[in-house]
Amino acid sequence: MTVLKRFRLEALLEQDFKLDAIKHAQAEMPREAVGLVVDGAYWPCKNIADAPQQHFVLDPHDYAKAMFAGTIEAIVHSHPEGTPPSECDRKACKQSKLPWYVYSVPDNLWSTIHP
């Protein structure tokens, strides 16, 4: 019974960060939103890319603040045009050594990439 309760709690925590990430993605449209999962919670960050409608660059100051606030567990970003994770996403995920969650805004679909 303990395993079942733990699974439900983890599922709720994951859903909570995804709901916050969806709100951030919708607020940033048509730009890609970017954030982190820090200790199970969504941490919104600034996208400082030169072409934020096409890709993201996570503000290093936001990353540093998140790192001091807790454990960075994943990177989250949106695809406003609804494309699946790109090859660039996959390479960057591998380099980051963190899971990536990619939210396709028009499809309301999540993809997960593992390093």
PDB file of N, CA and C in Angstrom:
ATOM      1  N   MET A   1       0.812  -1.199   0.000  1.00  0.00           N
ATOM      2  CA  MET A   1       0.000   0.000   0.000  1.00  0.00           C
ATOM      3  C   MET A   1       0.859   1.268   0.000  1.00  0.00           C
ATOM      4  N   THR A   2       1.998   1.244   0.648  1.00  0.00           N
ATOM      5  CA  THR A   2       2.876   2.409   0.685  1.00  0.00           C
ATOM      6  C   THR A   2       3.359   2.772  -0.716  1.00  0.00           C
ATOM      7  N   VAL A   3       3.701   1.782  -1.517  1.00  0.00           N
ATOM      8  CA  VAL A   3       4.168   2.033  -2.883  1.00  0.00           C
ATOM      9  C   VAL A   3       3.082   2.730  -3.689  1.00  0.00           C
ATOM     10  N   LEU A   4       1.847   2.300  -3.552  1.00  0.00           N
ATOM     11  CA  LEU A   4       0.736   2.904  -4.277  1.00  0.00           C
ATOM     12  C   LEU A   4       0.562   4.368  -3.875  1.00  0.00           C
ATOM     13  N   LYS A   5       0.603   4.676  -2.599  1.00  0.00           N
ATOM     14  CA  LYS A   5       0.465   6.061  -2.138  1.00  0.00           C
ATOM     15  C   LYS A   5       1.607   6.921  -2.660  1.00  0.00           C
ATOM     16  N   ARG A   6       2.829   6.395  -2.652  1.00  0.00           N
ATOM     17  CA  ARG A   6       3.976   7.151  -3.141  1.00  0.00           C
ATOM     18  C   ARG A   6       3.824   7.445  -4.632  1.00  0.00           C
ATOM     19  N   PHE A   7       3.374   6.458  -5.400  1.00  0.00           N
ATOM     20  CA  PHE A   7       3.171   6.650  -6.835  1.00  0.00           C
ATOM     21  C   PHE A   7       2.161   7.759  -7.079  1.00  0.00           C
ATOM     22  N   ARG A   8       1.076   7.760  -6.373  1.00  0.00           N
ATOM     23  CA  ARG A   8       0.057   8.794  -6.560  1.00  0.00           C
ATOM     24  C   ARG A   8       0.604  10.168  -6.231  1.00  0.00           C
ATOM     25  N   LEU A   9       1.388  10.285  -5.170  1.00  0.00           N
ATOM     26  CA  LEU A   9       1.974  11.567  -4.796  1.00  0.00           C
ATOM     27  C   LEU A   9       2.917  12.046  -5.890  1.00  0.00           C
ATOM     28  N   GLU A  10       3.775  11.156  -6.398  1.00  0.00           N
ATOM     29  CA  GLU A  10       4.700  11.540  -7.465  1.00  0.00           C
ATOM     30  C   GLU A  10       3.943  11.975  -8.716  1.00  0.00           C
ATOM     31  N   ALA A  11       2.872  11.286  -9.044  1.00  0.00           N
ATOM     32  CA  ALA A  11       2.071  11.648 -10.216  1.00  0.00           C
ATOM     33  C   ALA A  11       1.449  13.031 -10.029  1.00  0.00           C
ATOM     34  N   LEU A  12       0.990  13.332  -8.834  1.00  0.00           N
ATOM     35  CA  LEU A  12       0.409  14.654  -8.562  1.00  0.00           C
ATOM     36  C   LEU A  12       1.463  15.746  -8.649  1.00  0.00           C
ATOM     37  N   LEU A  13       2.647  15.499  -8.118  1.00  0.00           N
ATOM     38  CA  LEU A  13       3.714  16.495  -8.186  1.00  0.00           C
ATOM     39  C   LEU A  13       4.096  16.782  -9.632  1.00  0.00           C
ATOM     40  N   GLU A  14       4.211  15.718 -10.448  1.00  0.00           N
ATOM     41  CA  GLU A  14       4.542  15.903 -11.859  1.00  0.00           C
ATOM     42  C   GLU A  14       3.463  16.725 -12.548  1.00  0.00           C
ATOM     43  N   GLN A  15       2.227  16.427 -12.259  1.00  0.00           N
ATOM     44  CA  GLN A  15       1.124  17.161 -12.865  1.00  0.00           C
ATOM     45  C   GLN A  15       1.162  18.624 -12.442  1.00  0.00           C
ATOM     46  N   ASP A  16       1.490  18.899 -11.189  1.00  0.00           N
ATOM     47  CA  ASP A  16       1.549  20.278 -10.719  1.00  0.00           C
ATOM     48  C   ASP A  16       2.572  21.087 -11.508  1.00  0.00           C
ATOM     49  N   PHE A  17       3.780  20.548 -11.716  1.00  0.00           N
ATOM     50  CA  PHE A  17       4.765  21.335 -12.448  1.00  0.00           C
ATOM     51  C   PHE A  17       4.336  21.504 -13.899  1.00  0.00           C
ATOM     52  N   LYS A  18       3.676  20.504 -14.465  1.00  0.00           N
ATOM     53  CA  LYS A  18       3.241  20.619 -15.853  1.00  0.00           C
ATOM     54  C   LYS A  18       2.149  21.669 -16.004  1.00  0.00           C
ATOM     55  N   LEU A  19       1.241  21.759 -15.060  1.00  0.00           N
ATOM     56  CA  LEU A  19       0.201  22.794 -15.132  1.00  0.00           C
ATOM     57  C   LEU A  19       0.818  24.183 -15.093  1.00  0.00           C
ATOM     58  N   ASP A  20       1.801  24.394 -14.225  1.00  0.00           N
ATOM     59  CA  ASP A  20       2.481  25.690 -14.150  1.00  0.00           C
ATOM     60  C   ASP A  20       3.268  25.971 -15.428  1.00  0.00           C
ATOM     61  N   ALA A  21       3.882  24.937 -16.000  1.00  0.00           N
ATOM     62  CA  ALA A  21       4.633  25.111 -17.251  1.00  0.00           C
ATOM     63  C   ALA A  21       3.694  25.457 -18.408  1.00  0.00           C
ATOM     64  N   ILE A  22       2.511  24.855 -18.439  1.00  0.00           N
ATOM     65  CA  ILE A  22       1.525  25.171 -19.476  1.00  0.00           C
ATOM     66  C   ILE A  22       1.098  26.629 -19.378  1.00  0.00           C
ATOM     67  N   LYS A  23       0.838  27.101 -18.177  1.00  0.00           N
ATOM     68  CA  LYS A  23       0.461  28.515 -17.988  1.00  0.00           C
ATOM     69  C   LYS A  23       1.569  29.437 -18.480  1.00  0.00           C
ATOM     70  N   HIS A  24       2.818  29.086 -18.164  1.00  0.00           N
ATOM     71  CA  HIS A  24       3.951  29.888 -18.613  1.00  0.00           C
ATOM     72  C   HIS A  24       4.047  29.877 -20.138  1.00  0.00           C
ATOM     73  N   ALA A  25       3.878  28.698 -20.753  1.00  0.00           N
ATOM     74  CA  ALA A  25       3.950  28.579 -22.215  1.00  0.00           C
ATOM     75  C   ALA A  25       2.874  29.426 -22.885  1.00  0.00           C
ATOM     76  N   GLN A  26       1.675  29.402 -22.339  1.00  0.00           N
ATOM     77  CA  GLN A  26       0.583  30.191 -22.916  1.00  0.00           C
ATOM     78  C   GLN A  26       0.850  31.690 -22.771  1.00  0.00           C
ATOM     79  N   ALA A  27       1.423  32.085 -21.647  1.00  0.00           N
ATOM     80  CA  ALA A  27       1.730  33.506 -21.424  1.00  0.00           C
ATOM     81  C   ALA A  27       2.850  34.003 -22.340  1.00  0.00           C
ATOM     82  N   GLU A  28       3.747  33.122 -22.724  1.00  0.00           N
ATOM     83  CA  GLU A  28       4.902  33.508 -23.557  1.00  0.00           C
ATOM     84  C   GLU A  28       4.628  33.454 -25.054  1.00  0.00           C
ATOM     85  N   MET A  29       3.494  32.917 -25.461  1.00  0.00           N
ATOM     86  CA  MET A  29       3.190  32.792 -26.890  1.00  0.00           C
ATOM     87  C   MET A  29       3.392  34.116 -27.609  1.00  0.00           C
ATOM     88  N   PRO A  30       3.967  34.180 -28.782  1.00  0.00           N
ATOM     89  CA  PRO A  30       4.402  33.071 -29.646  1.00  0.00           C
ATOM     90  C   PRO A  30       5.849  32.632 -29.395  1.00  0.00           C
ATOM     91  N   ARG A  31       6.442  33.108 -28.308  1.00  0.00           N
ATOM     92  CA  ARG A  31       7.821  32.732 -27.965  1.00  0.00           C
ATOM     93  C   ARG A  31       7.860  31.356 -27.301  1.00  0.00           C
ATOM     94  N   GLU A  32       8.993  30.677 -27.398  1.00  0.00           N
ATOM     95  CA  GLU A  32       9.184  29.450 -26.633  1.00  0.00           C
ATOM     96  C   GLU A  32       9.379  29.831 -25.175  1.00  0.00           C
ATOM     97  N   ALA A  33       8.664  29.163 -24.310  1.00  0.00           N
ATOM     98  CA  ALA A  33       8.858  29.338 -22.868  1.00  0.00           C
ATOM     99  C   ALA A  33       9.906  28.341 -22.409  1.00  0.00           C
ATOM    100  N   VAL A  34      10.640  28.697 -21.373  1.00  0.00           N
ATOM    101  CA  VAL A  34      11.640  27.798 -20.811  1.00  0.00           C
ATOM    102  C   VAL A  34      11.610  27.910 -19.296  1.00  0.00           C
ATOM    103  N   GLY A  35      11.817  26.775 -18.664  1.00  0.00           N
ATOM    104  CA  GLY A  35      11.868  26.739 -17.210  1.00  0.00           C
ATOM    105  C   GLY A  35      12.585  25.489 -16.748  1.00  0.00           C
ATOM    106  N   LEU A  36      12.620  25.336 -15.444  1.00  0.00           N
ATOM    107  CA  LEU A  36      13.291  24.200 -14.827  1.00  0.00           C
ATOM    108  C   LEU A  36      12.348  23.527 -13.853  1.00  0.00           C
ATOM    109  N   VAL A  37      12.599  22.280 -13.556  1.00  0.00           N
ATOM    110  CA  VAL A  37      11.922  21.619 -12.448  1.00  0.00           C
ATOM    111  C   VAL A  37      12.929  21.625 -11.310  1.00  0.00           C
ATOM    112  N   VAL A  38      12.578  22.317 -10.236  1.00  0.00           N
ATOM    113  CA  VAL A  38      13.443  22.443  -9.069  1.00  0.00           C
ATOM    114  C   VAL A  38      12.704  21.851  -7.877  1.00  0.00           C
ATOM    115  N   ASP A  39      13.251  20.795  -7.327  1.00  0.00           N
ATOM    116  CA  ASP A  39      12.629  20.101  -6.191  1.00  0.00           C
ATOM    117  C   ASP A  39      11.155  19.790  -6.462  1.00  0.00           C
ATOM    118  N   GLY A  40      10.856  19.373  -7.685  1.00  0.00           N
ATOM    119  CA  GLY A  40       9.506  18.956  -8.051  1.00  0.00           C
ATOM    120  C   GLY A  40       8.573  20.070  -8.471  1.00  0.00           C
ATOM    121  N   ALA A  41       9.025  21.317  -8.396  1.00  0.00           N
ATOM    122  CA  ALA A  41       8.179  22.463  -8.751  1.00  0.00           C
ATOM    123  C   ALA A  41       8.718  23.150 -10.003  1.00  0.00           C
ATOM    124  N   TYR A  42       7.814  23.776 -10.750  1.00  0.00           N
ATOM    125  CA  TYR A  42       8.217  24.493 -11.964  1.00  0.00           C
ATOM    126  C   TYR A  42       8.834  25.832 -11.592  1.00  0.00           C
ATOM    127  N   TRP A  43       9.962  26.144 -12.215  1.00  0.00           N
ATOM    128  CA  TRP A  43      10.701  27.383 -11.991  1.00  0.00           C
ATOM    129  C   TRP A  43      10.787  28.102 -13.337  1.00  0.00           C
ATOM    130  N   PRO A  44       9.919  29.092 -13.596  1.00  0.00           N
ATOM    131  CA  PRO A  44       9.960  29.779 -14.894  1.00  0.00           C
ATOM    132  C   PRO A  44      11.255  30.566 -15.065  1.00  0.00           C
ATOM    133  N   CYS A  45      11.768  30.576 -16.275  1.00  0.00           N
ATOM    134  CA  CYS A  45      13.001  31.295 -16.608  1.00  0.00           C
ATOM    135  C   CYS A  45      12.757  32.171 -17.827  1.00  0.00           C
ATOM    136  N   LYS A  46      13.714  33.064 -18.074  1.00  0.00           N
ATOM    137  CA  LYS A  46      13.637  33.929 -19.253  1.00  0.00           C
ATOM    138  C   LYS A  46      14.299  33.235 -20.434  1.00  0.00           C
ATOM    139  N   ASN A  47      13.689  33.407 -21.589  1.00  0.00           N
ATOM    140  CA  ASN A  47      14.268  32.956 -22.844  1.00  0.00           C
ATOM    141  C   ASN A  47      14.991  34.153 -23.449  1.00  0.00           C
ATOM    142  N   ILE A  48      16.319  34.088 -23.497  1.00  0.00           N
ATOM    143  CA  ILE A  48      17.100  35.225 -23.996  1.00  0.00           C
ATOM    144  C   ILE A  48      17.623  34.984 -25.416  1.00  0.00           C
ATOM    145  N   ALA A  49      17.014  34.064 -26.138  1.00  0.00           N
ATOM    146  CA  ALA A  49      17.427  33.770 -27.517  1.00  0.00           C
ATOM    147  C   ALA A  49      17.195  34.974 -28.423  1.00  0.00           C
ATOM    148  N   ASP A  50      18.019  35.103 -29.436  1.00  0.00           N
ATOM    149  CA  ASP A  50      17.840  36.168 -30.429  1.00  0.00           C
ATOM    150  C   ASP A  50      16.556  35.970 -31.232  1.00  0.00           C
ATOM    151  N   ALA A  51      16.169  34.719 -31.441  1.00  0.00           N
ATOM    152  CA  ALA A  51      14.938  34.387 -32.173  1.00  0.00           C
ATOM    153  C   ALA A  51      14.073  33.490 -31.273  1.00  0.00           C
ATOM    154  N   PRO A  52      13.450  34.058 -30.234  1.00  0.00           N
ATOM    155  CA  PRO A  52      12.743  33.248 -29.240  1.00  0.00           C
ATOM    156  C   PRO A  52      11.502  32.529 -29.762  1.00  0.00           C
ATOM    157  N   GLN A  53      11.023  32.885 -30.960  1.00  0.00           N
ATOM    158  CA  GLN A  53       9.896  32.162 -31.544  1.00  0.00           C
ATOM    159  C   GLN A  53      10.345  30.821 -32.123  1.00  0.00           C
ATOM    160  N   GLN A  54      11.665  30.671 -32.340  1.00  0.00           N
ATOM    161  CA  GLN A  54      12.188  29.471 -32.993  1.00  0.00           C
ATOM    162  C   GLN A  54      12.995  28.567 -32.067  1.00  0.00           C
ATOM    163  N   HIS A  55      13.578  29.115 -31.008  1.00  0.00           N
ATOM    164  CA  HIS A  55      14.344  28.302 -30.072  1.00  0.00           C
ATOM    165  C   HIS A  55      14.493  29.054 -28.751  1.00  0.00           C
ATOM    166  N   PHE A  56      15.145  28.408 -27.805  1.00  0.00           N
ATOM    167  CA  PHE A  56      15.326  29.072 -26.515  1.00  0.00           C
ATOM    168  C   PHE A  56      16.782  29.042 -26.084  1.00  0.00           C
ATOM    169  N   VAL A  57      17.127  30.059 -25.303  1.00  0.00           N
ATOM    170  CA  VAL A  57      18.380  30.105 -24.559  1.00  0.00           C
ATOM    171  C   VAL A  57      17.985  30.489 -23.145  1.00  0.00           C
ATOM    172  N   LEU A  58      18.241  29.596 -22.219  1.00  0.00           N
ATOM    173  CA  LEU A  58      17.868  29.822 -20.823  1.00  0.00           C
ATOM    174  C   LEU A  58      18.810  30.849 -20.214  1.00  0.00           C
ATOM    175  N   ASP A  59      18.244  31.874 -19.594  1.00  0.00           N
ATOM    176  CA  ASP A  59      19.039  32.924 -18.951  1.00  0.00           C
ATOM    177  C   ASP A  59      19.931  32.296 -17.875  1.00  0.00           C
ATOM    178  N   PRO A  60      21.257  32.457 -17.976  1.00  0.00           N
ATOM    179  CA  PRO A  60      22.150  31.839 -16.989  1.00  0.00           C
ATOM    180  C   PRO A  60      21.928  32.350 -15.566  1.00  0.00           C
ATOM    181  N   HIS A  61      21.457  33.585 -15.422  1.00  0.00           N
ATOM    182  CA  HIS A  61      21.158  34.104 -14.084  1.00  0.00           C
ATOM    183  C   HIS A  61      19.997  33.340 -13.457  1.00  0.00           C
ATOM    184  N   ASP A  62      18.984  33.038 -14.271  1.00  0.00           N
ATOM    185  CA  ASP A  62      17.851  32.247 -13.771  1.00  0.00           C
ATOM    186  C   ASP A  62      18.307  30.846 -13.372  1.00  0.00           C
ATOM    187  N   TYR A  63      19.202  30.257 -14.163  1.00  0.00           N
ATOM    188  CA  TYR A  63      19.715  28.929 -13.842  1.00  0.00           C
ATOM    189  C   TYR A  63      20.466  28.960 -12.513  1.00  0.00           C
ATOM    190  N   ALA A  64      21.292  29.975 -12.323  1.00  0.00           N
ATOM    191  CA  ALA A  64      22.067  30.089 -11.080  1.00  0.00           C
ATOM    192  C   ALA A  64      21.139  30.263  -9.875  1.00  0.00           C
ATOM    193  N   LYS A  65      20.112  31.102 -10.008  1.00  0.00           N
ATOM    194  CA  LYS A  65      19.161  31.283  -8.905  1.00  0.00           C
ATOM    195  C   LYS A  65      18.468  29.969  -8.560  1.00  0.00           C
ATOM    196  N   ALA A  66      18.074  29.225  -9.585  1.00  0.00           N
ATOM    197  CA  ALA A  66      17.407  27.937  -9.357  1.00  0.00           C
ATOM    198  C   ALA A  66      18.360  26.949  -8.689  1.00  0.00           C
ATOM    199  N   MET A  67      19.606  26.962  -9.103  1.00  0.00           N
ATOM    200  CA  MET A  67      20.590  26.035  -8.547  1.00  0.00           C
ATOM    201  C   MET A  67      20.784  26.284  -7.049  1.00  0.00           C
ATOM    202  N   PHE A  68      20.755  27.544  -6.642  1.00  0.00           N
ATOM    203  CA  PHE A  68      20.908  27.869  -5.223  1.00  0.00           C
ATOM    204  C   PHE A  68      19.620  27.630  -4.435  1.00  0.00           C
ATOM    205  N   ALA A  69      18.495  27.574  -5.128  1.00  0.00           N
ATOM    206  CA  ALA A  69      17.201  27.374  -4.465  1.00  0.00           C
ATOM    207  C   ALA A  69      16.924  25.912  -4.154  1.00  0.00           C
ATOM    208  N   GLY A  70      17.536  24.996  -4.907  1.00  0.00           N
ATOM    209  CA  GLY A  70      17.260  23.573  -4.696  1.00  0.00           C
ATOM    210  C   GLY A  70      17.944  22.725  -5.745  1.00  0.00           C
ATOM    211  N   THR A  71      17.437  21.518  -5.929  1.00  0.00           N
ATOM    212  CA  THR A  71      18.004  20.591  -6.898  1.00  0.00           C
ATOM    213  C   THR A  71      17.295  20.718  -8.234  1.00  0.00           C
ATOM    214  N   ILE A  72      18.049  21.033  -9.274  1.00  0.00           N
ATOM    215  CA  ILE A  72      17.483  21.100 -10.625  1.00  0.00           C
ATOM    216  C   ILE A  72      17.321  19.676 -11.125  1.00  0.00           C
ATOM    217  N   GLU A  73      16.089  19.312 -11.438  1.00  0.00           N
ATOM    218  CA  GLU A  73      15.765  17.943 -11.818  1.00  0.00           C
ATOM    219  C   GLU A  73      15.492  17.771 -13.311  1.00  0.00           C
ATOM    220  N   ALA A  74      15.113  18.856 -13.999  1.00  0.00           N
ATOM    221  CA  ALA A  74      14.772  18.743 -15.423  1.00  0.00           C
ATOM    222  C   ALA A  74      14.709  20.129 -16.053  1.00  0.00           C
ATOM    223  N   ILE A  75      14.762  20.138 -17.376  1.00  0.00           N
ATOM    224  CA  ILE A  75      14.567  21.350 -18.171  1.00  0.00           C
ATOM    225  C   ILE A  75      13.241  21.194 -18.907  1.00  0.00           C
ATOM    226  N   VAL A  76      12.488  22.290 -18.979  1.00  0.00           N
ATOM    227  CA  VAL A  76      11.167  22.295 -19.610  1.00  0.00           C
ATOM    228  C   VAL A  76      11.146  23.417 -20.636  1.00  0.00           C
ATOM    229  N   HIS A  77      10.630  23.151 -21.819  1.00  0.00           N
ATOM    230  CA  HIS A  77      10.393  24.246 -22.759  1.00  0.00           C
ATOM    231  C   HIS A  77       9.210  23.913 -23.658  1.00  0.00           C
ATOM    232  N   SER A  78       8.700  24.966 -24.279  1.00  0.00           N
ATOM    233  CA  SER A  78       7.518  24.794 -25.122  1.00  0.00           C
ATOM    234  C   SER A  78       7.879  24.908 -26.592  1.00  0.00           C
ATOM    235  N   HIS A  79       7.032  24.305 -27.405  1.00  0.00           N
ATOM    236  CA  HIS A  79       7.091  24.455 -28.858  1.00  0.00           C
ATOM    237  C   HIS A  79       5.772  25.097 -29.285  1.00  0.00           C
ATOM    238  N   PRO A  80       5.762  26.412 -29.479  1.00  0.00           N
ATOM    239  CA  PRO A  80       4.523  27.113 -29.829  1.00  0.00           C
ATOM    240  C   PRO A  80       3.886  26.651 -31.132  1.00  0.00           C
ATOM    241  N   GLU A  81       4.688  26.139 -32.062  1.00  0.00           N
ATOM    242  CA  GLU A  81       4.167  25.687 -33.354  1.00  0.00           C
ATOM    243  C   GLU A  81       3.749  24.224 -33.345  1.00  0.00           C
ATOM    244  N   GLY A  82       3.965  23.532 -32.249  1.00  0.00           N
ATOM    245  CA  GLY A  82       3.506  22.159 -32.134  1.00  0.00           C
ATOM    246  C   GLY A  82       4.440  21.103 -32.683  1.00  0.00           C
ATOM    247  N   THR A  83       5.692  21.429 -32.921  1.00  0.00           N
ATOM    248  CA  THR A  83       6.619  20.442 -33.452  1.00  0.00           C
ATOM    249  C   THR A  83       7.096  19.490 -32.358  1.00  0.00           C
ATOM    250  N   PRO A  84       7.476  18.272 -32.731  1.00  0.00           N
ATOM    251  CA  PRO A  84       8.029  17.340 -31.745  1.00  0.00           C
ATOM    252  C   PRO A  84       9.440  17.790 -31.347  1.00  0.00           C
ATOM    253  N   PRO A  85      10.032  17.167 -30.319  1.00  0.00           N
ATOM    254  CA  PRO A  85      11.408  17.523 -29.953  1.00  0.00           C
ATOM    255  C   PRO A  85      12.334  17.400 -31.156  1.00  0.00           C
ATOM    256  N   SER A  86      13.205  18.368 -31.304  1.00  0.00           N
ATOM    257  CA  SER A  86      14.119  18.402 -32.444  1.00  0.00           C
ATOM    258  C   SER A  86      15.393  17.619 -32.137  1.00  0.00           C
ATOM    259  N   GLU A  87      16.182  17.411 -33.174  1.00  0.00           N
ATOM    260  CA  GLU A  87      17.486  16.768 -32.977  1.00  0.00           C
ATOM    261  C   GLU A  87      18.367  17.646 -32.094  1.00  0.00           C
ATOM    262  N   CYS A  88      18.240  18.945 -32.240  1.00  0.00           N
ATOM    263  CA  CYS A  88      18.979  19.886 -31.386  1.00  0.00           C
ATOM    264  C   CYS A  88      18.562  19.710 -29.920  1.00  0.00           C
ATOM    265  N   ASP A  89      17.240  19.544 -29.675  1.00  0.00           N
ATOM    266  CA  ASP A  89      16.750  19.276 -28.316  1.00  0.00           C
ATOM    267  C   ASP A  89      17.402  18.012 -27.762  1.00  0.00           C
ATOM    268  N   ARG A  90      17.453  16.974 -28.570  1.00  0.00           N
ATOM    269  CA  ARG A  90      18.006  15.684 -28.118  1.00  0.00           C
ATOM    270  C   ARG A  90      19.499  15.799 -27.781  1.00  0.00           C
ATOM    271  N   LYS A  91      20.240  16.518 -28.604  1.00  0.00           N
ATOM    272  CA  LYS A  91      21.674  16.698 -28.346  1.00  0.00           C
ATOM    273  C   LYS A  91      21.897  17.533 -27.087  1.00  0.00           C
ATOM    274  N   ALA A  92      21.132  18.605 -26.948  1.00  0.00           N
ATOM    275  CA  ALA A  92      21.288  19.466 -25.775  1.00  0.00           C
ATOM    276  C   ALA A  92      20.874  18.736 -24.492  1.00  0.00           C
ATOM    277  N   CYS A  93      19.860  17.896 -24.587  1.00  0.00           N
ATOM    278  CA  CYS A  93      19.438  17.090 -23.436  1.00  0.00           C
ATOM    279  C   CYS A  93      20.578  16.186 -22.991  1.00  0.00           C
ATOM    280  N   LYS A  94      21.198  15.544 -23.948  1.00  0.00           N
ATOM    281  CA  LYS A  94      22.312  14.649 -23.634  1.00  0.00           C
ATOM    282  C   LYS A  94      23.450  15.416 -22.962  1.00  0.00           C
ATOM    283  N   GLN A  95      23.742  16.613 -23.462  1.00  0.00           N
ATOM    284  CA  GLN A  95      24.806  17.433 -22.886  1.00  0.00           C
ATOM    285  C   GLN A  95      24.454  17.910 -21.480  1.00  0.00           C
ATOM    286  N   SER A  96      23.187  18.213 -21.250  1.00  0.00           N
ATOM    287  CA  SER A  96      22.762  18.725 -19.941  1.00  0.00           C
ATOM    288  C   SER A  96      22.744  17.642 -18.866  1.00  0.00           C
ATOM    289  N   LYS A  97      22.613  16.380 -19.303  1.00  0.00           N
ATOM    290  CA  LYS A  97      22.525  15.237 -18.395  1.00  0.00           C
ATOM    291  C   LYS A  97      21.296  15.317 -17.495  1.00  0.00           C
ATOM    292  N   LEU A  98      20.281  16.017 -17.989  1.00  0.00           N
ATOM    293  CA  LEU A  98      19.007  16.146 -17.284  1.00  0.00           C
ATOM    294  C   LEU A  98      17.876  15.724 -18.213  1.00  0.00           C
ATOM    295  N   PRO A  99      16.778  15.210 -17.674  1.00  0.00           N
ATOM    296  CA  PRO A  99      15.602  14.965 -18.517  1.00  0.00           C
ATOM    297  C   PRO A  99      15.062  16.304 -19.045  1.00  0.00           C
ATOM    298  N   TRP A 100      14.487  16.250 -20.219  1.00  0.00           N
ATOM    299  CA  TRP A 100      13.835  17.422 -20.809  1.00  0.00           C
ATOM    300  C   TRP A 100      12.371  17.092 -21.037  1.00  0.00           C
ATOM    301  N   TYR A 101      11.514  18.039 -20.696  1.00  0.00           N
ATOM    302  CA  TYR A 101      10.083  17.951 -20.986  1.00  0.00           C
ATOM    303  C   TYR A 101       9.781  19.008 -22.027  1.00  0.00           C
ATOM    304  N   VAL A 102       9.184  18.600 -23.138  1.00  0.00           N
ATOM    305  CA  VAL A 102       8.851  19.520 -24.229  1.00  0.00           C
ATOM    306  C   VAL A 102       7.335  19.528 -24.378  1.00  0.00           C
ATOM    307  N   TYR A 103       6.755  20.729 -24.278  1.00  0.00           N
ATOM    308  CA  TYR A 103       5.309  20.889 -24.369  1.00  0.00           C
ATOM    309  C   TYR A 103       4.924  21.468 -25.717  1.00  0.00           C
ATOM    310  N   SER A 104       4.148  20.722 -26.487  1.00  0.00           N
ATOM    311  CA  SER A 104       3.626  21.181 -27.769  1.00  0.00           C
ATOM    312  C   SER A 104       2.327  21.938 -27.498  1.00  0.00           C
ATOM    313  N   VAL A 105       2.360  23.254 -27.639  1.00  0.00           N
ATOM    314  CA  VAL A 105       1.236  24.099 -27.230  1.00  0.00           C
ATOM    315  C   VAL A 105      -0.054  23.798 -28.000  1.00  0.00           C
ATOM    316  N   PRO A 106      -0.058  23.819 -29.341  1.00  0.00           N
ATOM    317  CA  PRO A 106      -1.337  23.634 -30.028  1.00  0.00           C
ATOM    318  C   PRO A 106      -1.937  22.232 -29.847  1.00  0.00           C
ATOM    319  N   ASP A 107      -1.074  21.247 -29.613  1.00  0.00           N
ATOM    320  CA  ASP A 107      -1.552  19.875 -29.453  1.00  0.00           C
ATOM    321  C   ASP A 107      -1.852  19.508 -28.004  1.00  0.00           C
ATOM    322  N   ASN A 108      -1.387  20.351 -27.064  1.00  0.00           N
ATOM    323  CA  ASN A 108      -1.501  20.074 -25.639  1.00  0.00           C
ATOM    324  C   ASN A 108      -0.896  18.703 -25.311  1.00  0.00           C
ATOM    325  N   LEU A 109       0.297  18.445 -25.897  1.00  0.00           N
ATOM    326  CA  LEU A 109       0.980  17.167 -25.709  1.00  0.00           C
ATOM    327  C   LEU A 109       2.373  17.376 -25.120  1.00  0.00           C
ATOM    328  N   TRP A 110       2.782  16.435 -24.282  1.00  0.00           N
ATOM    329  CA  TRP A 110       4.101  16.449 -23.671  1.00  0.00           C
ATOM    330  C   TRP A 110       4.968  15.363 -24.273  1.00  0.00           C
ATOM    331  N   SER A 111       6.241  15.675 -24.463  1.00  0.00           N
ATOM    332  CA  SER A 111       7.254  14.688 -24.836  1.00  0.00           C
ATOM    333  C   SER A 111       8.347  14.748 -23.771  1.00  0.00           C
ATOM    334  N   THR A 112       8.951  13.617 -23.499  1.00  0.00           N
ATOM    335  CA  THR A 112      10.045  13.562 -22.544  1.00  0.00           C
ATOM    336  C   THR A 112      11.271  13.011 -23.253  1.00  0.00           C
ATOM    337  N   ILE A 113      12.392  13.667 -23.041  1.00  0.00           N
ATOM    338  CA  ILE A 113      13.669  13.218 -23.590  1.00  0.00           C
ATOM    339  C   ILE A 113      14.569  12.894 -22.402  1.00  0.00           C
ATOM    340  N   HIS A 114      15.250  11.759 -22.479  1.00  0.00           N
ATOM    341  CA  HIS A 114      16.181  11.376 -21.419  1.00  0.00           C
ATOM    342  C   HIS A 114      17.603  11.429 -21.954  1.00  0.00           C
ATOM    343  N   PRO A 115      18.527  11.902 -21.120  1.00  0.00           N
ATOM    344  CA  PRO A 115      19.937  11.984 -21.583  1.00  0.00           C
ATOM    345  C   PRO A 115      20.542  10.614 -21.866  1.00  0.00           C
TER     346      PRO A 115
END
